[in-house]
Full PDB file with SEQRES, HELIX, SHEET, SSBOND, CRYST1, ORIGX, SCALE, CONECT and MASTER records, all heavy atoms in Angstrom:
SEQRES   1 A   30  ILE LEU GLY PRO VAL GLN GLY GLU PRO LEU SER ASP LEU          
SEQRES   2 A   30  ASP GLY ALA ILE GLU HIS ALA LEU ASN HIS PRO ILE ASP          
SEQRES   3 A   30  GLN ALA PRO LEU                                              
HELIX    1 AA1 LEU A   13  ASN A   22  1                                  10    
CRYST1    1.000    1.000    1.000  90.00  90.00  90.00 P 1           1          
ORIGX1      1.000000  0.000000  0.000000        0.00000                         
ORIGX2      0.000000  1.000000  0.000000        0.00000                         
ORIGX3      0.000000  0.000000  1.000000        0.00000                         
SCALE1      1.000000  0.000000  0.000000        0.00000                         
SCALE2      0.000000  1.000000  0.000000        0.00000                         
SCALE3      0.000000  0.000000  1.000000        0.00000                         
ATOM      1  N   ILE A   1      -4.731 -25.604  -3.417  1.00  0.00           N  
ATOM      2  CA  ILE A   1      -4.523 -24.870  -2.195  1.00  0.00           C  
ATOM      3  C   ILE A   1      -4.274 -23.405  -2.601  1.00  0.00           C  
ATOM      4  O   ILE A   1      -3.318 -23.078  -3.327  1.00  0.00           O  
ATOM      5  CB  ILE A   1      -3.301 -25.399  -1.431  1.00  0.00           C  
ATOM      6  CG1 ILE A   1      -3.541 -26.882  -1.068  1.00  0.00           C  
ATOM      7  CG2 ILE A   1      -3.039 -24.558  -0.171  1.00  0.00           C  
ATOM      8  CD1 ILE A   1      -2.329 -27.562  -0.488  1.00  0.00           C  
ATOM      9  N   LEU A   2      -5.099 -22.497  -2.106  1.00  0.00           N  
ATOM     10  CA  LEU A   2      -4.990 -21.100  -2.399  1.00  0.00           C  
ATOM     11  C   LEU A   2      -4.680 -20.342  -1.165  1.00  0.00           C  
ATOM     12  O   LEU A   2      -5.143 -20.673  -0.070  1.00  0.00           O  
ATOM     13  CB  LEU A   2      -6.294 -20.554  -3.002  1.00  0.00           C  
ATOM     14  CG  LEU A   2      -6.787 -21.245  -4.279  1.00  0.00           C  
ATOM     15  CD1 LEU A   2      -8.162 -20.741  -4.669  1.00  0.00           C  
ATOM     16  CD2 LEU A   2      -5.780 -21.015  -5.431  1.00  0.00           C  
ATOM     17  N   GLY A   3      -3.897 -19.314  -1.291  1.00  0.00           N  
ATOM     18  CA  GLY A   3      -3.577 -18.485  -0.128  1.00  0.00           C  
ATOM     19  C   GLY A   3      -3.215 -17.072  -0.604  1.00  0.00           C  
ATOM     20  O   GLY A   3      -2.996 -16.863  -1.829  1.00  0.00           O  
ATOM     21  N   PRO A   4      -3.129 -16.145   0.268  1.00  0.00           N  
ATOM     22  CA  PRO A   4      -2.841 -14.754  -0.094  1.00  0.00           C  
ATOM     23  C   PRO A   4      -1.390 -14.657  -0.580  1.00  0.00           C  
ATOM     24  O   PRO A   4      -0.501 -15.364  -0.108  1.00  0.00           O  
ATOM     25  CB  PRO A   4      -3.039 -13.937   1.185  1.00  0.00           C  
ATOM     26  CG  PRO A   4      -2.892 -14.957   2.259  1.00  0.00           C  
ATOM     27  CD  PRO A   4      -3.337 -16.286   1.713  1.00  0.00           C  
ATOM     28  N   VAL A   5      -1.180 -13.768  -1.513  1.00  0.00           N  
ATOM     29  CA  VAL A   5       0.170 -13.455  -1.979  1.00  0.00           C  
ATOM     30  C   VAL A   5       0.748 -12.493  -0.945  1.00  0.00           C  
ATOM     31  O   VAL A   5       0.109 -11.451  -0.629  1.00  0.00           O  
ATOM     32  CB  VAL A   5       0.146 -12.814  -3.388  1.00  0.00           C  
ATOM     33  CG1 VAL A   5       1.554 -12.393  -3.809  1.00  0.00           C  
ATOM     34  CG2 VAL A   5      -0.441 -13.794  -4.370  1.00  0.00           C  
ATOM     35  N   GLN A   6       1.869 -12.787  -0.384  1.00  0.00           N  
ATOM     36  CA  GLN A   6       2.466 -11.921   0.601  1.00  0.00           C  
ATOM     37  C   GLN A   6       3.165 -10.742  -0.107  1.00  0.00           C  
ATOM     38  O   GLN A   6       3.994 -10.947  -0.978  1.00  0.00           O  
ATOM     39  CB  GLN A   6       3.503 -12.697   1.440  1.00  0.00           C  
ATOM     40  CG  GLN A   6       2.889 -13.780   2.289  1.00  0.00           C  
ATOM     41  CD  GLN A   6       1.942 -13.212   3.333  1.00  0.00           C  
ATOM     42  OE1 GLN A   6       2.209 -12.181   3.960  1.00  0.00           O  
ATOM     43  NE2 GLN A   6       0.840 -13.863   3.527  1.00  0.00           N  
ATOM     44  N   GLY A   7       2.792  -9.538   0.295  1.00  0.00           N  
ATOM     45  CA  GLY A   7       3.403  -8.347  -0.255  1.00  0.00           C  
ATOM     46  C   GLY A   7       4.592  -7.963   0.626  1.00  0.00           C  
ATOM     47  O   GLY A   7       4.805  -8.455   1.690  1.00  0.00           O  
ATOM     48  N   GLU A   8       5.339  -7.023   0.098  1.00  0.00           N  
ATOM     49  CA  GLU A   8       6.474  -6.438   0.843  1.00  0.00           C  
ATOM     50  C   GLU A   8       5.928  -5.526   1.920  1.00  0.00           C  
ATOM     51  O   GLU A   8       5.095  -4.623   1.604  1.00  0.00           O  
ATOM     52  CB  GLU A   8       7.417  -5.699  -0.085  1.00  0.00           C  
ATOM     53  CG  GLU A   8       8.189  -6.613  -1.015  1.00  0.00           C  
ATOM     54  CD  GLU A   8       9.155  -7.532  -0.258  1.00  0.00           C  
ATOM     55  OE1 GLU A   8       9.823  -7.031   0.686  1.00  0.00           O  
ATOM     56  OE2 GLU A   8       9.187  -8.723  -0.600  1.00  0.00           O  
ATOM     57  N   PRO A   9       6.369  -5.653   3.135  1.00  0.00           N  
ATOM     58  CA  PRO A   9       5.910  -4.725   4.208  1.00  0.00           C  
ATOM     59  C   PRO A   9       6.408  -3.297   3.883  1.00  0.00           C  
ATOM     60  O   PRO A   9       7.518  -3.140   3.319  1.00  0.00           O  
ATOM     61  CB  PRO A   9       6.489  -5.283   5.458  1.00  0.00           C  
ATOM     62  CG  PRO A   9       7.596  -6.201   5.040  1.00  0.00           C  
ATOM     63  CD  PRO A   9       7.306  -6.636   3.649  1.00  0.00           C  
ATOM     64  N   LEU A  10       5.648  -2.303   4.292  1.00  0.00           N  
ATOM     65  CA  LEU A  10       6.027  -0.923   4.089  1.00  0.00           C  
ATOM     66  C   LEU A  10       7.119  -0.636   5.137  1.00  0.00           C  
ATOM     67  O   LEU A  10       6.988  -0.969   6.314  1.00  0.00           O  
ATOM     68  CB  LEU A  10       4.861   0.025   4.301  1.00  0.00           C  
ATOM     69  CG  LEU A  10       3.765  -0.089   3.223  1.00  0.00           C  
ATOM     70  CD1 LEU A  10       2.543   0.736   3.703  1.00  0.00           C  
ATOM     71  CD2 LEU A  10       4.261   0.369   1.926  1.00  0.00           C  
ATOM     72  N   SER A  11       8.161   0.065   4.712  1.00  0.00           N  
ATOM     73  CA  SER A  11       9.180   0.427   5.655  1.00  0.00           C  
ATOM     74  C   SER A  11       8.787   1.577   6.571  1.00  0.00           C  
ATOM     75  O   SER A  11       9.285   1.766   7.650  1.00  0.00           O  
ATOM     76  CB  SER A  11      10.501   0.809   4.894  1.00  0.00           C  
ATOM     77  OG  SER A  11      10.238   1.911   4.045  1.00  0.00           O  
ATOM     78  N   ASP A  12       7.810   2.403   6.088  1.00  0.00           N  
ATOM     79  CA  ASP A  12       7.330   3.528   6.909  1.00  0.00           C  
ATOM     80  C   ASP A  12       5.834   3.620   6.710  1.00  0.00           C  
ATOM     81  O   ASP A  12       5.323   4.375   5.890  1.00  0.00           O  
ATOM     82  CB  ASP A  12       8.018   4.816   6.360  1.00  0.00           C  
ATOM     83  CG  ASP A  12       7.570   6.068   7.123  1.00  0.00           C  
ATOM     84  OD1 ASP A  12       6.887   5.932   8.182  1.00  0.00           O  
ATOM     85  OD2 ASP A  12       7.877   7.155   6.609  1.00  0.00           O  
ATOM     86  N   LEU A  13       5.124   2.876   7.505  1.00  0.00           N  
ATOM     87  CA  LEU A  13       3.641   2.813   7.428  1.00  0.00           C  
ATOM     88  C   LEU A  13       3.042   4.203   7.688  1.00  0.00           C  
ATOM     89  O   LEU A  13       2.138   4.619   6.932  1.00  0.00           O  
ATOM     90  CB  LEU A  13       3.081   1.790   8.410  1.00  0.00           C  
ATOM     91  CG  LEU A  13       1.537   1.727   8.478  1.00  0.00           C  
ATOM     92  CD1 LEU A  13       0.940   1.363   7.120  1.00  0.00           C  
ATOM     93  CD2 LEU A  13       1.111   0.685   9.501  1.00  0.00           C  
ATOM     94  N   ASP A  14       3.491   4.907   8.708  1.00  0.00           N  
ATOM     95  CA  ASP A  14       2.900   6.216   9.007  1.00  0.00           C  
ATOM     96  C   ASP A  14       3.144   7.180   7.886  1.00  0.00           C  
ATOM     97  O   ASP A  14       2.291   8.008   7.512  1.00  0.00           O  
ATOM     98  CB  ASP A  14       3.467   6.731  10.328  1.00  0.00           C  
ATOM     99  CG  ASP A  14       3.022   5.913  11.524  1.00  0.00           C  
ATOM    100  OD1 ASP A  14       1.839   5.431  11.485  1.00  0.00           O  
ATOM    101  OD2 ASP A  14       3.798   5.724  12.467  1.00  0.00           O  
ATOM    102  N   GLY A  15       4.335   7.117   7.240  1.00  0.00           N  
ATOM    103  CA  GLY A  15       4.655   7.956   6.126  1.00  0.00           C  
ATOM    104  C   GLY A  15       3.716   7.640   4.912  1.00  0.00           C  
ATOM    105  O   GLY A  15       3.281   8.512   4.207  1.00  0.00           O  
ATOM    106  N   ALA A  16       3.482   6.322   4.697  1.00  0.00           N  
ATOM    107  CA  ALA A  16       2.603   5.916   3.618  1.00  0.00           C  
ATOM    108  C   ALA A  16       1.154   6.379   3.866  1.00  0.00           C  
ATOM    109  O   ALA A  16       0.443   6.788   2.938  1.00  0.00           O  
ATOM    110  CB  ALA A  16       2.649   4.392   3.474  1.00  0.00           C  
ATOM    111  N   ILE A  17       0.719   6.363   5.124  1.00  0.00           N  
ATOM    112  CA  ILE A  17      -0.636   6.825   5.451  1.00  0.00           C  
ATOM    113  C   ILE A  17      -0.700   8.341   5.157  1.00  0.00           C  
ATOM    114  O   ILE A  17      -1.677   8.826   4.546  1.00  0.00           O  
ATOM    115  CB  ILE A  17      -0.986   6.512   6.942  1.00  0.00           C  
ATOM    116  CG1 ILE A  17      -1.149   5.000   7.128  1.00  0.00           C  
ATOM    117  CG2 ILE A  17      -2.237   7.266   7.357  1.00  0.00           C  
ATOM    118  CD1 ILE A  17      -1.202   4.544   8.554  1.00  0.00           C  
ATOM    119  N   GLU A  18       0.280   9.052   5.619  1.00  0.00           N  
ATOM    120  CA  GLU A  18       0.278  10.545   5.392  1.00  0.00           C  
ATOM    121  C   GLU A  18       0.320  10.818   3.863  1.00  0.00           C  
ATOM    122  O   GLU A  18      -0.360  11.709   3.365  1.00  0.00           O  
ATOM    123  CB  GLU A  18       1.479  11.178   6.069  1.00  0.00           C  
ATOM    124  CG  GLU A  18       1.309  11.293   7.551  1.00  0.00           C  
ATOM    125  CD  GLU A  18       0.072  12.119   7.971  1.00  0.00           C  
ATOM    126  OE1 GLU A  18      -0.224  13.186   7.334  1.00  0.00           O  
ATOM    127  OE2 GLU A  18      -0.649  11.691   8.867  1.00  0.00           O  
ATOM    128  N   HIS A  19       1.154  10.068   3.103  1.00  0.00           N  
ATOM    129  CA  HIS A  19       1.209  10.286   1.636  1.00  0.00           C  
ATOM    130  C   HIS A  19      -0.195   9.998   1.034  1.00  0.00           C  
ATOM    131  O   HIS A  19      -0.610  10.787   0.176  1.00  0.00           O  
ATOM    132  CB  HIS A  19       2.233   9.353   1.028  1.00  0.00           C  
ATOM    133  CG  HIS A  19       2.295   9.520  -0.484  1.00  0.00           C  
ATOM    134  ND1 HIS A  19       2.941  10.564  -1.062  1.00  0.00           N  
ATOM    135  CD2 HIS A  19       1.769   8.709  -1.453  1.00  0.00           C  
ATOM    136  CE1 HIS A  19       2.826  10.460  -2.402  1.00  0.00           C  
ATOM    137  NE2 HIS A  19       2.107   9.343  -2.624  1.00  0.00           N  
ATOM    138  N   ALA A  20      -0.868   8.927   1.461  1.00  0.00           N  
ATOM    139  CA  ALA A  20      -2.184   8.617   0.919  1.00  0.00           C  
ATOM    140  C   ALA A  20      -3.216   9.727   1.252  1.00  0.00           C  
ATOM    141  O   ALA A  20      -4.009  10.095   0.413  1.00  0.00           O  
ATOM    142  CB  ALA A  20      -2.636   7.282   1.456  1.00  0.00           C  
ATOM    143  N   LEU A  21      -3.087  10.238   2.480  1.00  0.00           N  
ATOM    144  CA  LEU A  21      -4.037  11.327   2.888  1.00  0.00           C  
ATOM    145  C   LEU A  21      -3.711  12.610   2.147  1.00  0.00           C  
ATOM    146  O   LEU A  21      -4.628  13.419   1.872  1.00  0.00           O  
ATOM    147  CB  LEU A  21      -3.983  11.539   4.372  1.00  0.00           C  
ATOM    148  CG  LEU A  21      -4.584  10.355   5.178  1.00  0.00           C  
ATOM    149  CD1 LEU A  21      -4.371  10.558   6.666  1.00  0.00           C  
ATOM    150  CD2 LEU A  21      -6.060  10.168   4.884  1.00  0.00           C  
ATOM    151  N   ASN A  22      -2.456  12.854   1.842  1.00  0.00           N  
ATOM    152  CA  ASN A  22      -2.069  14.020   1.107  1.00  0.00           C  
ATOM    153  C   ASN A  22      -2.418  13.932  -0.398  1.00  0.00           C  
ATOM    154  O   ASN A  22      -2.542  14.946  -1.070  1.00  0.00           O  
ATOM    155  CB  ASN A  22      -0.545  14.297   1.233  1.00  0.00           C  
ATOM    156  CG  ASN A  22      -0.173  14.856   2.592  1.00  0.00           C  
ATOM    157  OD1 ASN A  22      -0.988  15.503   3.220  1.00  0.00           O  
ATOM    158  ND2 ASN A  22       1.017  14.528   3.060  1.00  0.00           N  
ATOM    159  N   HIS A  23      -2.476  12.730  -0.891  1.00  0.00           N  
ATOM    160  CA  HIS A  23      -2.722  12.497  -2.336  1.00  0.00           C  
ATOM    161  C   HIS A  23      -3.831  11.476  -2.553  1.00  0.00           C  
ATOM    162  O   HIS A  23      -3.587  10.399  -3.125  1.00  0.00           O  
ATOM    163  CB  HIS A  23      -1.387  12.022  -3.003  1.00  0.00           C  
ATOM    164  CG  HIS A  23      -0.268  12.944  -2.809  1.00  0.00           C  
ATOM    165  ND1 HIS A  23       0.633  12.787  -1.766  1.00  0.00           N  
ATOM    166  CD2 HIS A  23       0.138  14.028  -3.493  1.00  0.00           C  
ATOM    167  CE1 HIS A  23       1.512  13.784  -1.889  1.00  0.00           C  
ATOM    168  NE2 HIS A  23       1.240  14.537  -2.886  1.00  0.00           N  
ATOM    169  N   PRO A  24      -5.051  11.781  -2.114  1.00  0.00           N  
ATOM    170  CA  PRO A  24      -6.131  10.806  -2.338  1.00  0.00           C  
ATOM    171  C   PRO A  24      -6.422  10.647  -3.820  1.00  0.00           C  
ATOM    172  O   PRO A  24      -6.184  11.561  -4.621  1.00  0.00           O  
ATOM    173  CB  PRO A  24      -7.323  11.444  -1.588  1.00  0.00           C  
ATOM    174  CG  PRO A  24      -6.978  12.905  -1.543  1.00  0.00           C  
ATOM    175  CD  PRO A  24      -5.490  13.005  -1.459  1.00  0.00           C  
ATOM    176  N   ILE A  25      -6.894   9.506  -4.212  1.00  0.00           N  
ATOM    177  CA  ILE A  25      -7.132   9.181  -5.630  1.00  0.00           C  
ATOM    178  C   ILE A  25      -8.425   9.908  -6.096  1.00  0.00           C  
ATOM    179  O   ILE A  25      -9.487   9.692  -5.557  1.00  0.00           O  
ATOM    180  CB  ILE A  25      -7.297   7.655  -5.820  1.00  0.00           C  
ATOM    181  CG1 ILE A  25      -5.990   6.974  -5.424  1.00  0.00           C  
ATOM    182  CG2 ILE A  25      -7.659   7.325  -7.298  1.00  0.00           C  
ATOM    183  CD1 ILE A  25      -6.133   5.443  -5.362  1.00  0.00           C  
ATOM    184  N   ASP A  26      -8.217  10.805  -7.046  1.00  0.00           N  
ATOM    185  CA  ASP A  26      -9.316  11.519  -7.656  1.00  0.00           C  
ATOM    186  C   ASP A  26     -10.204  12.316  -6.714  1.00  0.00           C  
ATOM    187  O   ASP A  26     -11.431  12.456  -6.903  1.00  0.00           O  
ATOM    188  CB  ASP A  26     -10.205  10.601  -8.533  1.00  0.00           C  
ATOM    189  CG  ASP A  26      -9.462  10.006  -9.722  1.00  0.00           C  
ATOM    190  OD1 ASP A  26      -8.567  10.714 -10.268  1.00  0.00           O  
ATOM    191  OD2 ASP A  26      -9.826   8.879 -10.124  1.00  0.00           O  
ATOM    192  N   GLN A  27      -9.643  12.753  -5.601  1.00  0.00           N  
ATOM    193  CA  GLN A  27     -10.351  13.550  -4.599  1.00  0.00           C  
ATOM    194  C   GLN A  27      -9.471  14.670  -4.094  1.00  0.00           C  
ATOM    195  O   GLN A  27      -8.277  14.532  -4.111  1.00  0.00           O  
ATOM    196  CB  GLN A  27     -10.767  12.672  -3.395  1.00  0.00           C  
ATOM    197  CG  GLN A  27     -11.689  11.542  -3.730  1.00  0.00           C  
ATOM    198  CD  GLN A  27     -13.087  12.045  -4.148  1.00  0.00           C  
ATOM    199  OE1 GLN A  27     -13.631  12.958  -3.538  1.00  0.00           O  
ATOM    200  NE2 GLN A  27     -13.669  11.397  -5.135  1.00  0.00           N  
ATOM    201  N   ALA A  28     -10.063  15.646  -3.529  1.00  0.00           N  
ATOM    202  CA  ALA A  28      -9.317  16.687  -2.798  1.00  0.00           C  
ATOM    203  C   ALA A  28      -8.974  16.107  -1.432  1.00  0.00           C  
ATOM    204  O   ALA A  28      -9.699  15.253  -0.903  1.00  0.00           O  
ATOM    205  CB  ALA A  28     -10.182  17.961  -2.693  1.00  0.00           C  
ATOM    206  N   PRO A  29      -7.903  16.600  -0.790  1.00  0.00           N  
ATOM    207  CA  PRO A  29      -7.584  16.128   0.559  1.00  0.00           C  
ATOM    208  C   PRO A  29      -8.742  16.348   1.493  1.00  0.00           C  
ATOM    209  O   PRO A  29      -9.547  17.298   1.367  1.00  0.00           O  
ATOM    210  CB  PRO A  29      -6.375  16.975   0.924  1.00  0.00           C  
ATOM    211  CG  PRO A  29      -5.762  17.380  -0.368  1.00  0.00           C  
ATOM    212  CD  PRO A  29      -6.914  17.552  -1.328  1.00  0.00           C  
ATOM    213  N   LEU A  30      -8.831  15.487   2.495  1.00  0.00           N  
ATOM    214  CA  LEU A  30      -9.930  15.470   3.466  1.00  0.00           C  
ATOM    215  C   LEU A  30     -10.158  16.841   4.086  1.00  0.00           C  
ATOM    216  O   LEU A  30     -11.319  17.317   4.175  1.00  0.00           O  
ATOM    217  CB  LEU A  30      -9.609  14.452   4.565  1.00  0.00           C  
ATOM    218  CG  LEU A  30     -10.568  14.388   5.732  1.00  0.00           C  
ATOM    219  CD1 LEU A  30     -11.946  13.913   5.273  1.00  0.00           C  
ATOM    220  CD2 LEU A  30     -10.003  13.443   6.813  1.00  0.00           C  
TER     221      LEU A  30                                                      
MASTER        0    0    0    1    0    0    0    6  220    1    0    3          
END                                                                             
């Protein structure tokens, strides 16, 4: 029986999205 590993939910999803957009991996910001 296989299933997804449950990760820890982000406490601040909008903050995490902004952080990702501010710091894209190996790219300049959008």
